[in-house]
């Protein structure tokens, strides 16, 4: 029998962290264009909060997928 290939797991933190930095970059581009006037007092705490949320979502996603994997291995061992 041939074994099925393992599904590729997405690493969520780099994806969400990259999106946070992309948003911050766009905010600074809009500031340079004169469209928005965000201050670093607002942007930097929002960036830090976004990274913390990304880490929490990533940890929850990792834990949930690990639990599913453990359950499927336990059922196949029976």
PDB file of N, CA and C in Angstrom:
ATOM      1  N   UNK A   1       0.829  -1.190   0.000  1.00  0.00           N
ATOM      2  CA  UNK A   1       0.000   0.000   0.000  1.00  0.00           C
ATOM      3  C   UNK A   1       0.873   1.253   0.000  1.00  0.00           C
ATOM      4  N   UNK A   2       0.356   2.257  -0.604  1.00  0.00           N
ATOM      5  CA  UNK A   2       1.078   3.525  -0.585  1.00  0.00           C
ATOM      6  C   UNK A   2       0.511   4.396   0.520  1.00  0.00           C
ATOM      7  N   UNK A   3       1.381   5.068   1.194  1.00  0.00           N
ATOM      8  CA  UNK A   3       0.916   5.950   2.264  1.00  0.00           C
ATOM      9  C   UNK A   3       0.547   7.309   1.679  1.00  0.00           C
ATOM     10  N   UNK A   4      -0.431   7.912   2.283  1.00  0.00           N
ATOM     11  CA  UNK A   4      -0.860   9.235   1.834  1.00  0.00           C
ATOM     12  C   UNK A   4       0.139  10.270   2.322  1.00  0.00           C
ATOM     13  N   UNK A   5       0.412  11.281   1.507  1.00  0.00           N
ATOM     14  CA  UNK A   5       1.335  12.329   1.958  1.00  0.00           C
ATOM     15  C   UNK A   5       0.729  13.112   3.115  1.00  0.00           C
ATOM     16  N   UNK A   6       1.589  13.514   4.027  1.00  0.00           N
ATOM     17  CA  UNK A   6       1.121  14.291   5.174  1.00  0.00           C
ATOM     18  C   UNK A   6       0.720  15.688   4.705  1.00  0.00           C
ATOM     19  N   UNK A   7      -0.383  16.193   5.222  1.00  0.00           N
ATOM     20  CA  UNK A   7      -0.769  17.562   4.836  1.00  0.00           C
ATOM     21  C   UNK A   7       0.237  18.561   5.407  1.00  0.00           C
ATOM     22  N   UNK A   8       0.515  19.575   4.626  1.00  0.00           N
ATOM     23  CA  UNK A   8       1.464  20.599   5.051  1.00  0.00           C
ATOM     24  C   UNK A   8       0.814  21.503   6.089  1.00  0.00           C
ATOM     25  N   UNK A   9       1.454  21.623   7.233  1.00  0.00           N
ATOM     26  CA  UNK A   9       0.913  22.481   8.290  1.00  0.00           C
ATOM     27  C   UNK A   9       1.351  23.919   8.060  1.00  0.00           C
ATOM     28  N   UNK A  10       0.411  24.812   8.199  1.00  0.00           N
ATOM     29  CA  UNK A  10       0.701  26.241   8.048  1.00  0.00           C
ATOM     30  C   UNK A  10       1.213  26.768   9.381  1.00  0.00           C
ATOM     31  N   UNK A  11       2.312  27.486   9.330  1.00  0.00           N
ATOM     32  CA  UNK A  11       2.804  28.147  10.531  1.00  0.00           C
ATOM     33  C   UNK A  11       2.114  29.500  10.595  1.00  0.00           C
ATOM     34  N   UNK A  12       1.240  29.630  11.567  1.00  0.00           N
ATOM     35  CA  UNK A  12       0.342  30.772  11.609  1.00  0.00           C
ATOM     36  C   UNK A  12       1.023  32.057  12.077  1.00  0.00           C
ATOM     37  N   UNK A  13       1.958  31.970  13.018  1.00  0.00           N
ATOM     38  CA  UNK A  13       2.561  33.189  13.551  1.00  0.00           C
ATOM     39  C   UNK A  13       3.321  33.992  12.488  1.00  0.00           C
ATOM     40  N   UNK A  14       4.142  33.364  11.638  1.00  0.00           N
ATOM     41  CA  UNK A  14       4.800  34.181  10.607  1.00  0.00           C
ATOM     42  C   UNK A  14       3.814  34.849   9.650  1.00  0.00           C
ATOM     43  N   UNK A  15       2.724  34.186   9.360  1.00  0.00           N
ATOM     44  CA  UNK A  15       1.726  34.775   8.453  1.00  0.00           C
ATOM     45  C   UNK A  15       1.068  35.982   9.108  1.00  0.00           C
ATOM     46  N   UNK A  16       0.567  35.793  10.333  1.00  0.00           N
ATOM     47  CA  UNK A  16      -0.110  36.902  11.025  1.00  0.00           C
ATOM     48  C   UNK A  16       0.868  38.020  11.387  1.00  0.00           C
ATOM     49  N   UNK A  17       2.062  37.653  11.817  1.00  0.00           N
ATOM     50  CA  UNK A  17       3.069  38.674  12.135  1.00  0.00           C
ATOM     51  C   UNK A  17       3.440  39.492  10.907  1.00  0.00           C
ATOM     52  N   UNK A  18       3.547  38.821   9.769  1.00  0.00           N
ATOM     53  CA  UNK A  18       3.835  39.535   8.520  1.00  0.00           C
ATOM     54  C   UNK A  18       2.720  40.487   8.143  1.00  0.00           C
ATOM     55  N   UNK A  19       1.484  40.059   8.371  1.00  0.00           N
ATOM     56  CA  UNK A  19       0.350  40.954   8.083  1.00  0.00           C
ATOM     57  C   UNK A  19       0.370  42.184   8.989  1.00  0.00           C
ATOM     58  N   UNK A  20       0.739  41.991  10.248  1.00  0.00           N
ATOM     59  CA  UNK A  20       0.825  43.129  11.180  1.00  0.00           C
ATOM     60  C   UNK A  20       1.864  44.125  10.676  1.00  0.00           C
ATOM     61  N   UNK A  21       3.042  43.640  10.287  1.00  0.00           N
ATOM     62  CA  UNK A  21       4.084  44.542   9.794  1.00  0.00           C
ATOM     63  C   UNK A  21       3.699  45.180   8.467  1.00  0.00           C
ATOM     64  N   UNK A  22       2.944  44.454   7.646  1.00  0.00           N
ATOM     65  CA  UNK A  22       2.473  45.024   6.393  1.00  0.00           C
ATOM     66  C   UNK A  22       1.520  46.191   6.644  1.00  0.00           C
ATOM     67  N   UNK A  23       0.616  46.019   7.602  1.00  0.00           N
ATOM     68  CA  UNK A  23      -0.321  47.095   7.943  1.00  0.00           C
ATOM     69  C   UNK A  23       0.429  48.312   8.469  1.00  0.00           C
ATOM     70  N   UNK A  24       1.425  48.080   9.317  1.00  0.00           N
ATOM     71  CA  UNK A  24       2.214  49.196   9.855  1.00  0.00           C
ATOM     72  C   UNK A  24       2.962  49.903   8.722  1.00  0.00           C
ATOM     73  N   UNK A  25       3.498  49.135   7.791  1.00  0.00           N
ATOM     74  CA  UNK A  25       4.182  49.734   6.644  1.00  0.00           C
ATOM     75  C   UNK A  25       3.248  50.580   5.792  1.00  0.00           C
ATOM     76  N   UNK A  26       2.036  50.098   5.587  1.00  0.00           N
ATOM     77  CA  UNK A  26       1.050  50.862   4.815  1.00  0.00           C
ATOM     78  C   UNK A  26       0.678  52.149   5.552  1.00  0.00           C
ATOM     79  N   UNK A  27       0.557  52.066   6.882  1.00  0.00           N
ATOM     80  CA  UNK A  27       0.261  53.280   7.650  1.00  0.00           C
ATOM     81  C   UNK A  27       1.360  54.328   7.480  1.00  0.00           C
ATOM     82  N   UNK A  28       2.609  53.885   7.507  1.00  0.00           N
ATOM     83  CA  UNK A  28       3.700  54.845   7.330  1.00  0.00           C
ATOM     84  C   UNK A  28       3.767  55.371   5.892  1.00  0.00           C
ATOM     85  N   UNK A  29       3.416  54.539   4.921  1.00  0.00           N
ATOM     86  CA  UNK A  29       3.351  55.035   3.542  1.00  0.00           C
ATOM     87  C   UNK A  29       2.261  56.096   3.386  1.00  0.00           C
ATOM     88  N   UNK A  30       1.111  55.849   4.012  1.00  0.00           N
ATOM     89  CA  UNK A  30       0.035  56.839   3.955  1.00  0.00           C
ATOM     90  C   UNK A  30       0.430  58.126   4.670  1.00  0.00           C
ATOM     91  N   UNK A  31       1.232  57.993   5.737  1.00  0.00           N
ATOM     92  CA  UNK A  31       1.719  59.189   6.420  1.00  0.00           C
ATOM     93  C   UNK A  31       2.672  59.964   5.511  1.00  0.00           C
ATOM     94  N   UNK A  32       3.548  59.239   4.815  1.00  0.00           N
ATOM     95  CA  UNK A  32       4.499  59.905   3.922  1.00  0.00           C
ATOM     96  C   UNK A  32       3.790  60.595   2.762  1.00  0.00           C
ATOM     97  N   UNK A  33       2.657  60.034   2.344  1.00  0.00           N
ATOM     98  CA  UNK A  33       1.885  60.639   1.255  1.00  0.00           C
ATOM     99  C   UNK A  33       1.010  61.787   1.741  1.00  0.00           C
ATOM    100  N   UNK A  34       0.912  61.960   3.043  1.00  0.00           N
ATOM    101  CA  UNK A  34       0.117  63.044   3.601  1.00  0.00           C
ATOM    102  C   UNK A  34      -1.360  62.704   3.747  1.00  0.00           C
ATOM    103  N   UNK A  35      -1.715  61.450   3.591  1.00  0.00           N
ATOM    104  CA  UNK A  35      -3.115  61.044   3.693  1.00  0.00           C
ATOM    105  C   UNK A  35      -3.527  60.872   5.144  1.00  0.00           C
ATOM    106  N   UNK A  36      -2.703  60.203   5.919  1.00  0.00           N
ATOM    107  CA  UNK A  36      -2.961  59.967   7.341  1.00  0.00           C
ATOM    108  C   UNK A  36      -1.840  60.580   8.167  1.00  0.00           C
ATOM    109  N   UNK A  37      -2.128  60.794   9.408  1.00  0.00           N
ATOM    110  CA  UNK A  37      -1.105  61.318  10.307  1.00  0.00           C
ATOM    111  C   UNK A  37      -1.037  60.491  11.583  1.00  0.00           C
ATOM    112  N   UNK A  38      -0.656  59.179  11.468  1.00  0.00           N
ATOM    113  CA  UNK A  38      -0.543  58.358  12.676  1.00  0.00           C
ATOM    114  C   UNK A  38       0.713  58.740  13.452  1.00  0.00           C
ATOM    115  N   UNK A  39       0.616  58.705  14.753  1.00  0.00           N
ATOM    116  CA  UNK A  39       1.786  58.978  15.578  1.00  0.00           C
ATOM    117  C   UNK A  39       2.360  57.660  16.072  1.00  0.00           C
ATOM    118  N   UNK A  40       3.630  57.678  16.411  1.00  0.00           N
ATOM    119  CA  UNK A  40       4.251  56.445  16.895  1.00  0.00           C
ATOM    120  C   UNK A  40       3.673  56.045  18.247  1.00  0.00           C
ATOM    121  N   UNK A  41       3.092  56.985  18.970  1.00  0.00           N
ATOM    122  CA  UNK A  41       2.440  56.649  20.242  1.00  0.00           C
ATOM    123  C   UNK A  41       1.239  55.739  20.031  1.00  0.00           C
ATOM    124  N   UNK A  42       0.648  55.798  18.856  1.00  0.00           N
ATOM    125  CA  UNK A  42      -0.504  54.962  18.547  1.00  0.00           C
ATOM    126  C   UNK A  42      -0.072  53.702  17.793  1.00  0.00           C
ATOM    127  N   UNK A  43       0.807  53.867  16.818  1.00  0.00           N
ATOM    128  CA  UNK A  43       1.156  52.764  15.925  1.00  0.00           C
ATOM    129  C   UNK A  43       1.960  51.680  16.641  1.00  0.00           C
ATOM    130  N   UNK A  44       2.953  52.061  17.412  1.00  0.00           N
ATOM    131  CA  UNK A  44       3.805  51.057  18.048  1.00  0.00           C
ATOM    132  C   UNK A  44       3.068  50.184  19.058  1.00  0.00           C
ATOM    133  N   UNK A  45       2.218  50.725  19.932  1.00  0.00           N
ATOM    134  CA  UNK A  45       1.437  49.830  20.798  1.00  0.00           C
ATOM    135  C   UNK A  45       0.460  48.943  20.027  1.00  0.00           C
ATOM    136  N   UNK A  46      -0.125  49.475  18.947  1.00  0.00           N
ATOM    137  CA  UNK A  46      -1.004  48.643  18.133  1.00  0.00           C
ATOM    138  C   UNK A  46      -0.232  47.511  17.465  1.00  0.00           C
ATOM    139  N   UNK A  47       0.978  47.799  17.039  1.00  0.00           N
ATOM    140  CA  UNK A  47       1.812  46.763  16.437  1.00  0.00           C
ATOM    141  C   UNK A  47       2.155  45.690  17.466  1.00  0.00           C
ATOM    142  N   UNK A  48       2.529  46.109  18.660  1.00  0.00           N
ATOM    143  CA  UNK A  48       2.846  45.147  19.720  1.00  0.00           C
ATOM    144  C   UNK A  48       1.618  44.306  20.073  1.00  0.00           C
ATOM    145  N   UNK A  49       0.459  44.944  20.159  1.00  0.00           N
ATOM    146  CA  UNK A  49      -0.767  44.203  20.456  1.00  0.00           C
ATOM    147  C   UNK A  49      -1.096  43.226  19.330  1.00  0.00           C
ATOM    148  N   UNK A  50      -0.875  43.625  18.098  1.00  0.00           N
ATOM    149  CA  UNK A  50      -1.110  42.733  16.964  1.00  0.00           C
ATOM    150  C   UNK A  50      -0.197  41.521  16.989  1.00  0.00           C
ATOM    151  N   UNK A  51       1.063  41.722  17.369  1.00  0.00           N
ATOM    152  CA  UNK A  51       1.987  40.592  17.458  1.00  0.00           C
ATOM    153  C   UNK A  51       1.619  39.657  18.597  1.00  0.00           C
ATOM    154  N   UNK A  52       1.154  40.217  19.710  1.00  0.00           N
ATOM    155  CA  UNK A  52       0.718  39.375  20.831  1.00  0.00           C
ATOM    156  C   UNK A  52      -0.499  38.552  20.425  1.00  0.00           C
ATOM    157  N   UNK A  53      -1.463  39.175  19.757  1.00  0.00           N
ATOM    158  CA  UNK A  53      -2.634  38.435  19.286  1.00  0.00           C
ATOM    159  C   UNK A  53      -2.249  37.360  18.273  1.00  0.00           C
ATOM    160  N   UNK A  54      -1.304  37.674  17.400  1.00  0.00           N
ATOM    161  CA  UNK A  54      -0.847  36.673  16.434  1.00  0.00           C
ATOM    162  C   UNK A  54      -0.218  35.481  17.145  1.00  0.00           C
ATOM    163  N   UNK A  55       0.553  35.749  18.190  1.00  0.00           N
ATOM    164  CA  UNK A  55       1.171  34.657  18.946  1.00  0.00           C
ATOM    165  C   UNK A  55       0.116  33.819  19.661  1.00  0.00           C
ATOM    166  N   UNK A  56      -0.896  34.465  20.219  1.00  0.00           N
ATOM    167  CA  UNK A  56      -1.954  33.719  20.903  1.00  0.00           C
ATOM    168  C   UNK A  56      -2.757  32.855  19.922  1.00  0.00           C
ATOM    169  N   UNK A  57      -3.119  33.414  18.772  1.00  0.00           N
ATOM    170  CA  UNK A  57      -3.836  32.630  17.769  1.00  0.00           C
ATOM    171  C   UNK A  57      -2.983  31.463  17.283  1.00  0.00           C
ATOM    172  N   UNK A  58      -1.703  31.718  17.091  1.00  0.00           N
ATOM    173  CA  UNK A  58      -0.800  30.669  16.630  1.00  0.00           C
ATOM    174  C   UNK A  58      -0.683  29.552  17.656  1.00  0.00           C
ATOM    175  N   UNK A  59      -0.582  29.906  18.922  1.00  0.00           N
ATOM    176  CA  UNK A  59      -0.479  28.891  19.975  1.00  0.00           C
ATOM    177  C   UNK A  59      -1.758  28.069  20.053  1.00  0.00           C
ATOM    178  N   UNK A  60      -2.905  28.725  19.947  1.00  0.00           N
ATOM    179  CA  UNK A  60      -4.174  28.004  19.973  1.00  0.00           C
ATOM    180  C   UNK A  60      -4.328  27.081  18.780  1.00  0.00           C
ATOM    181  N   UNK A  61      -3.927  27.544  17.600  1.00  0.00           N
ATOM    182  CA  UNK A  61      -4.003  26.734  16.391  1.00  0.00           C
ATOM    183  C   UNK A  61      -3.077  25.527  16.501  1.00  0.00           C
ATOM    184  N   UNK A  62      -1.880  25.745  17.006  1.00  0.00           N
ATOM    185  CA  UNK A  62      -0.911  24.661  17.147  1.00  0.00           C
ATOM    186  C   UNK A  62      -1.407  23.618  18.139  1.00  0.00           C
ATOM    187  N   UNK A  63      -1.945  24.076  19.238  1.00  0.00           N
ATOM    188  CA  UNK A  63      -2.431  23.150  20.265  1.00  0.00           C
ATOM    189  C   UNK A  63      -3.619  22.335  19.742  1.00  0.00           C
ATOM    190  N   UNK A  64      -4.519  22.997  19.028  1.00  0.00           N
ATOM    191  CA  UNK A  64      -5.693  22.310  18.502  1.00  0.00           C
ATOM    192  C   UNK A  64      -5.289  21.263  17.471  1.00  0.00           C
ATOM    193  N   UNK A  65      -4.358  21.594  16.582  1.00  0.00           N
ATOM    194  CA  UNK A  65      -3.951  20.629  15.561  1.00  0.00           C
ATOM    195  C   UNK A  65      -3.165  19.485  16.182  1.00  0.00           C
ATOM    196  N   UNK A  66      -2.399  19.768  17.247  1.00  0.00           N
ATOM    197  CA  UNK A  66      -1.667  18.716  17.937  1.00  0.00           C
ATOM    198  C   UNK A  66      -2.633  17.753  18.621  1.00  0.00           C
ATOM    199  N   UNK A  67      -3.706  18.274  19.209  1.00  0.00           N
ATOM    200  CA  UNK A  67      -4.704  17.427  19.866  1.00  0.00           C
ATOM    201  C   UNK A  67      -5.399  16.532  18.845  1.00  0.00           C
ATOM    202  N   UNK A  68      -5.739  17.082  17.694  1.00  0.00           N
ATOM    203  CA  UNK A  68      -6.365  16.274  16.641  1.00  0.00           C
ATOM    204  C   UNK A  68      -5.427  15.171  16.175  1.00  0.00           C
ATOM    205  N   UNK A  69      -4.155  15.500  16.000  1.00  0.00           N
ATOM    206  CA  UNK A  69      -3.182  14.521  15.536  1.00  0.00           C
ATOM    207  C   UNK A  69      -3.037  13.399  16.551  1.00  0.00           C
ATOM    208  N   UNK A  70      -2.992  13.745  17.838  1.00  0.00           N
ATOM    209  CA  UNK A  70      -2.882  12.732  18.884  1.00  0.00           C
ATOM    210  C   UNK A  70      -4.110  11.830  18.901  1.00  0.00           C
ATOM    211  N   UNK A  71      -5.293  12.390  18.712  1.00  0.00           N
ATOM    212  CA  UNK A  71      -6.526  11.593  18.692  1.00  0.00           C
ATOM    213  C   UNK A  71      -6.542  10.644  17.502  1.00  0.00           C
ATOM    214  N   UNK A  72      -6.104  11.126  16.338  1.00  0.00           N
ATOM    215  CA  UNK A  72      -6.133  10.270  15.158  1.00  0.00           C
ATOM    216  C   UNK A  72      -5.106   9.140  15.275  1.00  0.00           C
ATOM    217  N   UNK A  73      -3.974   9.403  15.915  1.00  0.00           N
ATOM    218  CA  UNK A  73      -2.979   8.346  16.122  1.00  0.00           C
ATOM    219  C   UNK A  73      -3.490   7.335  17.142  1.00  0.00           C
ATOM    220  N   UNK A  74      -4.205   7.791  18.152  1.00  0.00           N
ATOM    221  CA  UNK A  74      -4.737   6.873  19.160  1.00  0.00           C
ATOM    222  C   UNK A  74      -5.812   5.980  18.556  1.00  0.00           C
ATOM    223  N   UNK A  75      -6.636   6.522  17.665  1.00  0.00           N
ATOM    224  CA  UNK A  75      -7.682   5.713  17.058  1.00  0.00           C
ATOM    225  C   UNK A  75      -7.098   4.721  16.051  1.00  0.00           C
ATOM    226  N   UNK A  76      -5.992   5.070  15.388  1.00  0.00           N
ATOM    227  CA  UNK A  76      -5.385   4.146  14.434  1.00  0.00           C
ATOM    228  C   UNK A  76      -4.590   3.054  15.137  1.00  0.00           C
ATOM    229  N   UNK A  77      -4.193   3.268  16.395  1.00  0.00           N
ATOM    230  CA  UNK A  77      -3.459   2.265  17.153  1.00  0.00           C
ATOM    231  C   UNK A  77      -4.369   1.148  17.651  1.00  0.00           C
ATOM    232  N   UNK A  78      -5.651   1.404  17.703  1.00  0.00           N
ATOM    233  CA  UNK A  78      -6.597   0.400  18.230  1.00  0.00           C
ATOM    234  C   UNK A  78      -6.774  -0.738  17.323  1.00  0.00           C
TER     235      UNK A  78
END
